[in-house]
Amino acid sequence: MANKIIAIALIVSDLQKAVDFYRNKLGLKLVRIDDGYAEFKTEGAILELMEEKTVGDLVDMGKIKAEQPSKAFYLAWDAVEDVDALYQELKEKGVEFIVEPKTMPWGQRVAYFTDPDGNLWEISQCVE
């Protein structure tokens, strides 16, 4: 089995709202949008957004929800140069942070925000 993740798909309740967030607030490049699906190119992998109905056409959502009560993810952005600057830039665009930048004991400066569907994102910076 291959050991490389090429895409991450987030299940979203409102595709247009999610596309607006990822394109206009986070600045990701939208490369494809279809009915119930959008695709963004990132440096490491493709970020896919899929509406619940679209995913439901592929798999039985009842089984997923029965086994996993929350569909929210925790995703980490690759180390950025300046967490505080990125935090300020995103905040000015309307991104709502749940944890402001803080330095952790293991040598990272981190901040956390959520997307419109509650998926948790971390931005981090290595500090000395």
Protein backbone atom coordinates (compact mmCIF):
# COMPACT_ATOMS: atom_id res chain seq x y z
CA MET A 1 0.00 0.00 0.00
CA ALA A 2 1.24 3.50 -0.84
CA ASN A 3 2.31 5.67 2.06
CA LYS A 4 1.52 9.10 0.61
CA ILE A 5 -1.59 11.17 1.25
CA ILE A 6 -2.52 13.03 -1.91
CA ALA A 7 -5.82 14.55 -0.83
CA ILE A 8 -7.76 15.49 2.27
CA ALA A 9 -11.53 15.87 1.95
CA LEU A 10 -13.59 17.87 4.41
CA ILE A 11 -17.32 17.30 4.63
CA VAL A 12 -19.09 20.67 4.58
CA SER A 13 -22.68 21.71 5.09
CA ASP A 14 -22.64 24.68 2.67
CA LEU A 15 -20.21 24.46 -0.24
CA GLN A 16 -20.38 28.13 -1.26
CA LYS A 17 -19.76 29.30 2.30
CA ALA A 18 -16.81 26.91 2.64
CA VAL A 19 -15.35 27.92 -0.75
CA ASP A 20 -15.60 31.57 0.25
CA PHE A 21 -13.76 30.84 3.50
CA TYR A 22 -10.91 28.84 1.96
CA ARG A 23 -10.49 31.03 -1.14
CA ASN A 24 -11.17 34.53 0.17
CA LYS A 25 -10.11 34.29 3.80
CA LEU A 26 -7.29 31.74 3.70
CA GLY A 27 -6.16 32.58 0.17
CA LEU A 28 -6.07 29.05 -1.21
CA LYS A 29 -6.21 28.58 -4.98
CA LEU A 30 -9.51 27.10 -6.19
CA VAL A 31 -8.79 24.78 -9.11
CA ARG A 32 -12.14 23.05 -9.59
CA ILE A 33 -15.73 23.41 -8.51
CA ASP A 34 -18.64 21.16 -9.40
CA ASP A 35 -22.04 20.41 -7.94
CA GLY A 36 -21.33 19.62 -4.28
CA TYR A 37 -17.54 19.52 -4.69
CA ALA A 38 -14.61 21.94 -4.74
CA GLU A 39 -10.88 21.38 -4.98
CA PHE A 40 -7.98 23.53 -3.81
CA LYS A 41 -4.33 22.97 -4.68
CA THR A 42 -1.91 23.20 -1.79
CA GLU A 43 1.80 22.48 -1.67
CA GLY A 44 1.44 19.10 0.02
CA ALA A 45 -1.91 17.68 -1.04
CA ILE A 46 -5.22 18.53 -2.62
CA LEU A 47 -7.80 19.93 -0.22
CA GLU A 48 -11.28 18.77 -1.24
CA LEU A 49 -14.56 20.15 0.07
CA MET A 50 -17.56 17.87 -0.31
CA GLU A 51 -21.13 18.63 0.68
CA GLU A 52 -22.80 16.06 2.91
CA LYS A 53 -25.16 15.02 0.10
CA THR A 54 -22.23 14.43 -2.26
CA VAL A 55 -20.51 12.20 0.29
CA GLY A 56 -23.86 10.52 0.97
CA ASP A 57 -24.01 9.55 -2.71
CA LEU A 58 -20.69 7.73 -2.24
CA VAL A 59 -21.09 6.11 1.18
CA ASP A 60 -23.80 5.44 3.74
CA MET A 61 -23.47 8.51 6.01
CA GLY A 62 -25.56 6.78 8.68
CA LYS A 63 -22.77 4.26 9.22
CA ILE A 64 -20.15 6.98 9.50
CA LYS A 65 -22.15 9.03 11.99
CA ALA A 66 -23.05 5.98 14.05
CA GLU A 67 -19.39 5.03 14.44
CA GLN A 68 -18.00 8.57 14.69
CA PRO A 69 -20.27 11.17 16.30
CA SER A 70 -18.19 14.16 15.15
CA LYS A 71 -17.08 14.83 11.60
CA ALA A 72 -14.74 17.68 12.57
CA PHE A 73 -11.06 17.33 11.79
CA TYR A 74 -7.88 18.76 13.27
CA LEU A 75 -5.54 19.91 10.53
CA ALA A 76 -2.16 21.55 10.88
CA TRP A 77 -0.65 24.04 8.48
CA ASP A 78 3.02 23.48 7.75
CA ALA A 79 5.34 25.66 9.82
CA VAL A 80 4.90 29.31 8.86
CA GLU A 81 7.49 32.09 9.16
CA ASP A 82 5.51 34.29 11.54
CA VAL A 83 2.43 32.98 13.36
CA ASP A 84 1.62 36.40 14.78
CA ALA A 85 1.65 38.09 11.37
CA LEU A 86 -0.47 35.35 9.77
CA TYR A 87 -2.84 35.44 12.74
CA GLN A 88 -3.32 39.19 12.28
CA GLU A 89 -3.77 38.86 8.50
CA LEU A 90 -6.38 36.10 8.83
CA LYS A 91 -8.17 37.85 11.68
CA GLU A 92 -8.50 40.99 9.52
CA LYS A 93 -10.16 38.81 6.86
CA GLY A 94 -12.74 37.61 9.39
CA VAL A 95 -11.23 34.28 10.41
CA GLU A 96 -12.38 33.50 13.95
CA PHE A 97 -9.61 32.18 16.17
CA ILE A 98 -10.36 30.06 19.21
CA VAL A 99 -6.80 30.29 20.55
CA GLU A 100 -4.64 33.36 20.00
CA PRO A 101 -0.90 32.87 19.31
CA LYS A 102 0.97 31.37 22.24
CA THR A 103 4.33 29.70 22.72
CA MET A 104 4.25 26.06 23.73
CA PRO A 105 6.82 24.35 25.99
CA TRP A 106 8.03 22.12 23.12
CA GLY A 107 9.25 25.08 21.04
CA GLN A 108 6.33 26.01 18.80
CA ARG A 109 4.27 29.16 18.62
CA VAL A 110 0.72 28.14 17.70
CA ALA A 111 -2.75 29.57 17.09
CA TYR A 112 -6.02 27.76 16.34
CA PHE A 113 -9.07 28.66 14.25
CA THR A 114 -12.08 26.83 12.87
CA ASP A 115 -13.69 26.84 9.45
CA PRO A 116 -17.46 27.36 9.00
CA ASP A 117 -18.10 23.64 9.70
CA GLY A 118 -16.06 23.47 12.89
CA ASN A 119 -12.95 21.81 11.45
CA LEU A 120 -10.01 22.81 13.64
CA TRP A 121 -6.90 24.30 12.04
CA GLU A 122 -3.52 24.96 13.62
CA ILE A 123 -0.89 27.37 12.38
CA SER A 124 2.55 26.95 13.92
CA GLN A 125 6.02 28.39 13.91
CA CYS A 126 9.19 26.86 15.32
CA VAL A 127 10.77 29.10 17.93
CA GLU A 128 14.08 28.82 19.73
